[in-house]
Amino acid sequence: MASMHVRIDEMHSRVDTIDSDALLTPAALDRIVRAVLRAMEDRHRSERVLRADIDLRSIVEQQRQGGRS
């Protein structure tokens, strides 16, 4: 088993591998982690936009119903 320390911005970690021939370089790990973080942020952003859109539609619907009464 091989081990290496990885630092990406403020995150520090130790990565253990079974096959030392398959050990990724720190630069490759950095690219993978950054891609995952970007994908997670994109997903969270999409969820926030959807929630905001639902909230806005709810407010507009309430205003429309209030105007009919």
N, C-alpha and C. Protein backbone atom coordinates (compact mmCIF):
# COMPACT_ATOMS: atom_id res chain seq x y z
N MET A 1 0.85 -1.17 0.00
CA MET A 1 0.00 0.00 0.00
C MET A 1 0.90 1.23 0.00
N ALA A 2 0.53 2.21 -0.79
CA ALA A 2 1.28 3.47 -0.86
C ALA A 2 0.42 4.59 -0.30
N SER A 3 1.07 5.65 0.11
CA SER A 3 0.36 6.77 0.70
C SER A 3 0.99 8.06 0.20
N MET A 4 0.15 9.07 -0.01
CA MET A 4 0.69 10.38 -0.39
C MET A 4 -0.18 11.46 0.23
N HIS A 5 0.43 12.58 0.53
CA HIS A 5 -0.31 13.72 1.08
C HIS A 5 -0.71 14.62 -0.07
N VAL A 6 -1.94 15.12 -0.01
CA VAL A 6 -2.48 15.96 -1.07
C VAL A 6 -2.98 17.25 -0.45
N ARG A 7 -2.65 18.38 -1.07
CA ARG A 7 -3.14 19.68 -0.62
C ARG A 7 -3.77 20.39 -1.80
N ILE A 8 -5.04 20.77 -1.62
CA ILE A 8 -5.76 21.53 -2.64
C ILE A 8 -6.37 22.72 -1.92
N ASP A 9 -5.86 23.90 -2.20
CA ASP A 9 -6.27 25.12 -1.51
C ASP A 9 -6.19 24.90 0.00
N GLU A 10 -7.32 25.02 0.71
CA GLU A 10 -7.30 24.87 2.16
C GLU A 10 -7.48 23.42 2.60
N MET A 11 -7.77 22.54 1.69
CA MET A 11 -8.04 21.15 2.04
C MET A 11 -6.74 20.34 2.03
N HIS A 12 -6.52 19.61 3.11
CA HIS A 12 -5.37 18.72 3.21
C HIS A 12 -5.89 17.31 3.45
N SER A 13 -5.29 16.35 2.80
CA SER A 13 -5.74 14.98 2.99
C SER A 13 -4.59 14.02 2.72
N ARG A 14 -4.78 12.80 3.15
CA ARG A 14 -3.84 11.74 2.84
C ARG A 14 -4.60 10.70 2.03
N VAL A 15 -4.02 10.29 0.93
CA VAL A 15 -4.65 9.32 0.05
C VAL A 15 -3.87 8.01 0.14
N ASP A 16 -4.58 6.93 0.47
CA ASP A 16 -3.98 5.61 0.51
C ASP A 16 -4.39 4.84 -0.74
N THR A 17 -3.45 4.14 -1.33
CA THR A 17 -3.76 3.34 -2.51
C THR A 17 -3.27 1.91 -2.29
N ILE A 18 -3.94 1.00 -2.94
CA ILE A 18 -3.54 -0.40 -2.87
C ILE A 18 -2.48 -0.69 -3.92
N ASP A 19 -2.68 -0.16 -5.12
CA ASP A 19 -1.78 -0.40 -6.24
C ASP A 19 -0.95 0.86 -6.47
N SER A 20 0.30 0.83 -6.07
CA SER A 20 1.13 2.04 -6.19
C SER A 20 1.38 2.42 -7.64
N ASP A 21 1.22 1.48 -8.58
CA ASP A 21 1.38 1.81 -10.00
C ASP A 21 0.24 2.70 -10.49
N ALA A 22 -0.90 2.64 -9.79
CA ALA A 22 -2.06 3.43 -10.21
C ALA A 22 -2.14 4.77 -9.47
N LEU A 23 -1.11 5.11 -8.70
CA LEU A 23 -1.10 6.33 -7.93
C LEU A 23 -1.18 7.55 -8.85
N LEU A 24 -2.11 8.43 -8.56
CA LEU A 24 -2.27 9.64 -9.36
C LEU A 24 -1.29 10.70 -8.89
N THR A 25 -0.90 11.55 -9.79
CA THR A 25 -0.03 12.65 -9.41
C THR A 25 -0.84 13.70 -8.65
N PRO A 26 -0.19 14.51 -7.84
CA PRO A 26 -0.93 15.58 -7.15
C PRO A 26 -1.68 16.49 -8.13
N ALA A 27 -1.10 16.76 -9.27
CA ALA A 27 -1.76 17.60 -10.26
C ALA A 27 -3.04 16.93 -10.79
N ALA A 28 -2.99 15.62 -11.02
CA ALA A 28 -4.18 14.91 -11.51
C ALA A 28 -5.26 14.89 -10.43
N LEU A 29 -4.87 14.65 -9.18
CA LEU A 29 -5.84 14.69 -8.09
C LEU A 29 -6.45 16.08 -7.95
N ASP A 30 -5.63 17.10 -8.11
CA ASP A 30 -6.11 18.47 -8.04
C ASP A 30 -7.18 18.72 -9.10
N ARG A 31 -6.93 18.29 -10.33
CA ARG A 31 -7.91 18.47 -11.42
C ARG A 31 -9.20 17.71 -11.14
N ILE A 32 -9.08 16.50 -10.61
CA ILE A 32 -10.28 15.69 -10.30
C ILE A 32 -11.10 16.36 -9.22
N VAL A 33 -10.45 16.76 -8.14
CA VAL A 33 -11.17 17.39 -7.03
C VAL A 33 -11.82 18.69 -7.48
N ARG A 34 -11.11 19.51 -8.23
CA ARG A 34 -11.68 20.77 -8.70
C ARG A 34 -12.88 20.52 -9.62
N ALA A 35 -12.81 19.49 -10.45
CA ALA A 35 -13.94 19.17 -11.33
C ALA A 35 -15.16 18.74 -10.50
N VAL A 36 -14.91 17.94 -9.48
CA VAL A 36 -16.01 17.50 -8.61
C VAL A 36 -16.61 18.69 -7.86
N LEU A 37 -15.76 19.57 -7.33
CA LEU A 37 -16.25 20.74 -6.61
C LEU A 37 -17.06 21.66 -7.53
N ARG A 38 -16.59 21.83 -8.77
CA ARG A 38 -17.34 22.65 -9.75
C ARG A 38 -18.69 22.03 -10.04
N ALA A 39 -18.72 20.71 -10.22
CA ALA A 39 -19.99 20.03 -10.51
C ALA A 39 -20.94 20.15 -9.33
N MET A 40 -20.42 20.03 -8.11
CA MET A 40 -21.28 20.17 -6.93
C MET A 40 -21.83 21.59 -6.83
N GLU A 41 -20.99 22.59 -7.09
CA GLU A 41 -21.45 23.98 -7.03
C GLU A 41 -22.49 24.24 -8.11
N ASP A 42 -22.28 23.70 -9.32
CA ASP A 42 -23.27 23.86 -10.39
C ASP A 42 -24.60 23.25 -9.99
N ARG A 43 -24.55 22.09 -9.36
CA ARG A 43 -25.79 21.42 -8.93
C ARG A 43 -26.50 22.25 -7.86
N HIS A 44 -25.73 22.74 -6.89
CA HIS A 44 -26.33 23.56 -5.84
C HIS A 44 -26.91 24.86 -6.41
N ARG A 45 -26.20 25.44 -7.37
CA ARG A 45 -26.69 26.67 -8.00
C ARG A 45 -28.00 26.39 -8.73
N SER A 46 -28.09 25.29 -9.44
CA SER A 46 -29.32 24.92 -10.15
C SER A 46 -30.47 24.71 -9.17
N GLU A 47 -30.17 24.07 -8.04
CA GLU A 47 -31.21 23.85 -7.03
C GLU A 47 -31.68 25.18 -6.44
N ARG A 48 -30.75 26.12 -6.20
CA ARG A 48 -31.13 27.43 -5.66
C ARG A 48 -31.99 28.19 -6.66
N VAL A 49 -31.64 28.13 -7.94
CA VAL A 49 -32.42 28.82 -8.98
C VAL A 49 -33.81 28.22 -9.05
N LEU A 50 -33.91 26.90 -9.01
CA LEU A 50 -35.21 26.24 -9.06
C LEU A 50 -36.07 26.65 -7.86
N ARG A 51 -35.49 26.63 -6.66
CA ARG A 51 -36.24 27.03 -5.46
C ARG A 51 -36.69 28.49 -5.56
N ALA A 52 -35.83 29.36 -6.04
CA ALA A 52 -36.18 30.77 -6.19
C ALA A 52 -37.31 30.93 -7.20
N ASP A 53 -37.26 30.16 -8.30
CA ASP A 53 -38.30 30.23 -9.32
C ASP A 53 -39.64 29.74 -8.75
N ILE A 54 -39.60 28.66 -7.99
CA ILE A 54 -40.83 28.14 -7.37
C ILE A 54 -41.39 29.16 -6.39
N ASP A 55 -40.52 29.76 -5.58
CA ASP A 55 -40.97 30.78 -4.63
C ASP A 55 -41.59 31.97 -5.36
N LEU A 56 -40.95 32.41 -6.43
CA LEU A 56 -41.46 33.55 -7.20
C LEU A 56 -42.81 33.22 -7.81
N ARG A 57 -42.94 32.03 -8.39
CA ARG A 57 -44.23 31.65 -8.98
C ARG A 57 -45.31 31.58 -7.91
N SER A 58 -44.95 31.12 -6.71
CA SER A 58 -45.91 31.04 -5.62
C SER A 58 -46.36 32.44 -5.21
N ILE A 59 -45.44 33.37 -5.12
CA ILE A 59 -45.78 34.75 -4.75
C ILE A 59 -46.68 35.37 -5.82
N VAL A 60 -46.33 35.19 -7.09
CA VAL A 60 -47.13 35.75 -8.18
C VAL A 60 -48.53 35.16 -8.16
N GLU A 61 -48.64 33.87 -7.95
CA GLU A 61 -49.95 33.21 -7.89
C GLU A 61 -50.77 33.75 -6.72
N GLN A 62 -50.14 33.94 -5.57
CA GLN A 62 -50.85 34.49 -4.42
C GLN A 62 -51.34 35.91 -4.70
N GLN A 63 -50.51 36.70 -5.37
CA GLN A 63 -50.92 38.06 -5.72
C GLN A 63 -52.08 38.05 -6.70
N ARG A 64 -52.04 37.17 -7.66
CA ARG A 64 -53.13 37.08 -8.64
C ARG A 64 -54.44 36.67 -7.96
N GLN A 65 -54.35 35.69 -7.07
CA GLN A 65 -55.55 35.24 -6.37
C GLN A 65 -56.07 36.34 -5.43
N GLY A 66 -55.19 37.09 -4.83
CA GLY A 66 -55.59 38.18 -3.95
C GLY A 66 -56.28 39.28 -4.71
N GLY A 67 -55.90 39.50 -5.95
CA GLY A 67 -56.52 40.54 -6.77
C GLY A 67 -57.90 40.15 -7.27
N ARG A 68 -58.20 38.87 -7.33
CA ARG A 68 -59.51 38.39 -7.81
C ARG A 68 -60.56 38.44 -6.72
N SER A 69 -60.15 38.42 -5.49
CA SER A 69 -61.11 38.36 -4.38
C SER A 69 -61.87 39.65 -4.23
